[in-house]
């Protein structure tokens, strides 16, 4: 299970991990793809940590494909999130402060489905997402995903 711990600059005592997440919208551009995690039952955006030897965009493309079955292309950078007061504790006792790159991605192909990391998925409006049990680290990204802004957010 993944646990997120919040507090004053607690990230100073743990390692850094770079991660990527994707905002994948439906054809109308009004609903965002969310998936429910297997490990904690919470909703989140497709994404995870970078692997050695891959770029940020490759990480994003790989994670979306692994978690949803969709092949996507990167459209733009929505934001960079590096909250020093938030650490992530995994069940294997790895602890990190994430530096997360959040991209908008366009569906190019594939078939939307479940993976061993997801138990459910759906496209939701911003209002509908407000009613989901969304992982805390993802909550601040929701307004940014729906903002009609070309410049990236830095949080």
Foldseek 3Di string as FASTA:
>chain_A
DKDKAFDPLPQVVAAEFEKEFEFEADPVRFWTKWFAFPPPRFIATQMDTDDPPDDRQVRHQVRCCQAFFFGKHFDAWLAWEQDSRMWMADPVRHIHRYTYTYTYIYTDDTHTDGHPTGDDMDIHGLVVVVVGRHDPVHVVCSVSSVDPDRDHYYD
